[in-house]
Amino acid sequence: MKLFRNYSITAALVGFATLSPLSAQDQDQDQEIYQRGFLSKKGALESLQVTEGYELQLVLSDPIIHEPVAVAWDGNGVMYVVEMRSYMQDADASGENEPVSRISRHEDTDGDGVYDKHSVYIDKMVLPRMILPLDDRLMVGVSHTLDLWNYRDTDGDGVADEKVKIHEGGHRGGNMEHQPSGLIWALDNWIYLTYENVRYRFTDGKLEVEKIPSGNGQWGLTQDDDGRMYYTRAGRERPAEGFQQPAQYGMISVPNEFKGTFYKVYPMAPVPDVQGGERRVGPTGGLNYFTGCAGQEIFRGDALPSDVYGDLFVPEPVGRLIRRAKVERSNGKTVIGSATEPGTEFIRTRDINFRPVQTSTGPDGCLYIVDMHRGIIQQGNWTKPGSYLRGIIDNWGLNKNIGKGRIYRLVHKDHKPGPKPKLNGLKTVELLKYLDHANGWWRDTAKRLIILRDDRESVAPQLQKATLNPKVKTQTRITALWTLEGMSAAQPELLGKLLTDSDQRIVCNAIRVSEAWIKKNDATVLAAINKLADTENPEIAIQLLNSLQYCGNPASLASTRDQLMSDHGDLPAVVANIKVREQLANPRRGKASTPMDRAMTRGQKIYTQLCIECHGDKGQGSPMAGQEGVTLAPALSSGRVTGSGETLVRTLLHGLQGPLDGKNYPAGIMPPQGSNSDQWISDVATYVRNSFGNKASMITPSMVKGIRKVDSGRKEMWTQKELDALAPKELNNHQSWKLTASHRENDLKYAIDRNAKTRYSSKHRMEPGMWIQIELPSAVEIERITMDSSQSPNDFPATYTVSFSMDGKSWKTTSNQQGSASTTSFFTTPTKARFIRINQQGKSPKYYWSIHELQLFGR
């Protein structure tokens, strides 16, 4: 390894010096705090250790940009920067959702690599998170919504003045760290993002939406030359995931897809600010395994050595380093291994503020690095007072390091960066030659621009000719084929010829493009597909099986599928796909006719998108890399999960910290999820209460709403001791209760006989004024009332109130409450009462009021 200093930075960029690093002698030796505040820009750059032969150049920085998290370039090489200016401005995430963030626009006007012309393209935003330049429009996604927008600058002043909503996705709840990112226009002309199991595409200028088997990933998304997407899961400590096949076929992993100890990292900065706690701290005091992996990139540029092309770069902002990895594909399997020797990294530093969050291939063929350059990198859910991270943050003063940002360009001494593009203004026919460019950025951009043009079909003949020409480079032929697909011009005659090509990559991509025609039972395509039944090529076999599955396994190709399964059924990717399909075939994903079924279906989606990262696919916790037997989170199979439900709901709303049953967990057990809706909380709670061997009653939104209201003043995460003390006890003296009602009070005994097969029924259509009263032997502090009508799902009070009294004469009545078709639960702050009356306020011309089990909880 060799440290390079970049002396080519302009004086303007290096002039903003701040605090210099403190030497070890200046610090308390027990604390080992060697730096407070910021290095100068020159000092920060010089601190970056880069592999020999390479050099980092600072091309854009504060005060022009603050808190950058992503970049993208339009067809003319204009860089757009996403700036999350409200992110973690203190350790409590104060003002996080204030509209102070922005997307800025930057140009390099003199070609020296430094961006020197700047404007605020979109201002006063709430945490923008993903961008995709189209033509002269910029596609944008922001936090807390799945809506998508197009922006345009119509008068050329560098500021967007046109805003058009192109997709109504609706509200997206949850912590901002666990929301979609990406917006990658992939090889197949679909636009992908993380978390959500959807993809988008433009067809004749209109945005289409399609479901895919599952969502994946966290922050960052990239693709290789064959359109396989590379996700990361920081929460699950996965530096790469979902890369074995295109995402539309499902996310799979296969055995041994990483070489050696790939998960182990080698930072220079001995700073223990790791969310996983002390178990994630290595012997030198810094991070020991991947934990914050994000903003990954498959490098597809042409201005670095040729052996770098196709490598995977993974920023690790917690470890202040960037990993370079080799990606090898053979026999239908991708394997990833480190490109550097153990004990080293491609880029790393001791600067505590180096926080790389994105890497991108630029128009000039170089690799760009977005450095958020700040003290705190973890979101506020994990930095609450009393948490492990909060202590480190306070000790090192990381909360004070805000308001900066750097963008670096990685160059090589033997290679010159390419020219600035000017693609937007070219005629469609003039874009064709760039489909053959050595830099994947140019190929992708030219393809996208052609597809978005109104006259795109004018170049179809040239594209067809290039696609069929074996003398043309394979990658160029593939790009030309997908350009045809994007304009709906890949016809069966063309595909029939490509399916017999001698190049396996051409055949595999032709199979994918043929899917639209397989669904239409086109004779030419079906005949060509059937001829591939006896292929010995594992790549072609896997692609055929995936495409046939995607197309519904048409009967006309059944014999082909059977032959392929017979010959290739033991391939790791085929085995993994069968397992995934079995999981997706969960019967609850079908008709979902009952409220419980629908809640389970929604809850399963939430769990798969988010909770699985720490709790694992079987609810037993995810294994922690490098530590046998250790999991990131506790198993979801205890009485706290399956009991009354209050402890689980409280944990979801406010989080849980500290040891659980005497055991500490690296992930801190549970971060708060209270920013999600009552429906979201109830769905995922219901799912975990009825999965992994659990069986318990449904949690309803009204139950969540009640607990949320009772605990509305709560700011801190719970501890086990607090939750155990809060859990109210069921009143089991029901034989001593005196029950009266407006209708058929003699049948009320069936509501407290502890037999769910019997019930109280009013035998009268519900109408306002109906009531049930419970008189207790003595006054009790009531906290919850539960009415189970799950076996009579329509016989519940749509609206009701609850009245409390000590003497049966003077009453205190609540506001209107909403009932539930499964179990109606009413929560209140501890209310002392001897008399409880439930007043039915709804009206139904058809249904009775029924209660199978009536329960009171208190102390």
Foldseek 3Di string as FASTA:
>chain_A
DAFDADPPDDCVQQVDADDDWAPCVVDDVVLSQTGAAAGGPRVVLRQKRFPPQKHKDFQDKPPQAFQWFDWDAAQQQKIKTWHQAQFLLFLQSPPLQWQATFIKIFDDPPFPRHTDDIDTAGGRHGAWAEWDHFFQWIWTDGPQAPWIKIFHDPPPPRYTDDIDTQDHGGTDFWDRQQDKYFQDCFLLQWTDIALAQKIWHAAPRHIDIDGALAGHATAAWEAALLRFIWHAQLLLLRLTFQRLDHRRLHTFDFPQQEPDQQFFDAAPALQDLALLPPVQADPSNAGTGARQWAAKYQQQFDQADPQSHRWIWIFRQRRQAIWTWDWDDDLSGIHIYGPDDPNDGNIHGNGQQFGWHHWDQGPQRWIKTKGSRALDDDGSLSCDPPHNNVVSCVVNVRSNGGTMITMMTMGGPVGDGHGRGDPSPDDLVVLLVQCLPSGVVSVVNNLSNLLPDPCNVVCLVVLLVLLLDPVRDPSSNSSSQSSCLSNVNCDLVSLLNQCPDPDPSSNLSSLVSCLVVVLVVDPSNLVSLLVCLQPPRSSNLLSSLSSCVSSVVDPSCVVSVVSSCVNPVPPRSNVRSVVSVVVSVPVLCPPVPDPLSVLQNLLVSVCSSPVCSALNPLQQGRDDRPDPPAHQAHRLDDCLLAPPLLSQLLCQAANEADDDPPDHHSNRHTGHGNRDALSNSQSNSSNSCVGSPHDHFGRDSLNSVQSCVQCVVDDHHHYPVVSVVPFFDWPLVVVQKDKDWPADRVQCVQQAPPDLVGKDWRVDFDAFPTKMKIAAPAKFFFFKKKFAPQVVQVQAQQKKKKWFAAPVPDIDIDDIGGAGSGMGMHGDHGDIGRMMMITRHDGDPDHIHMGNYIIITGD
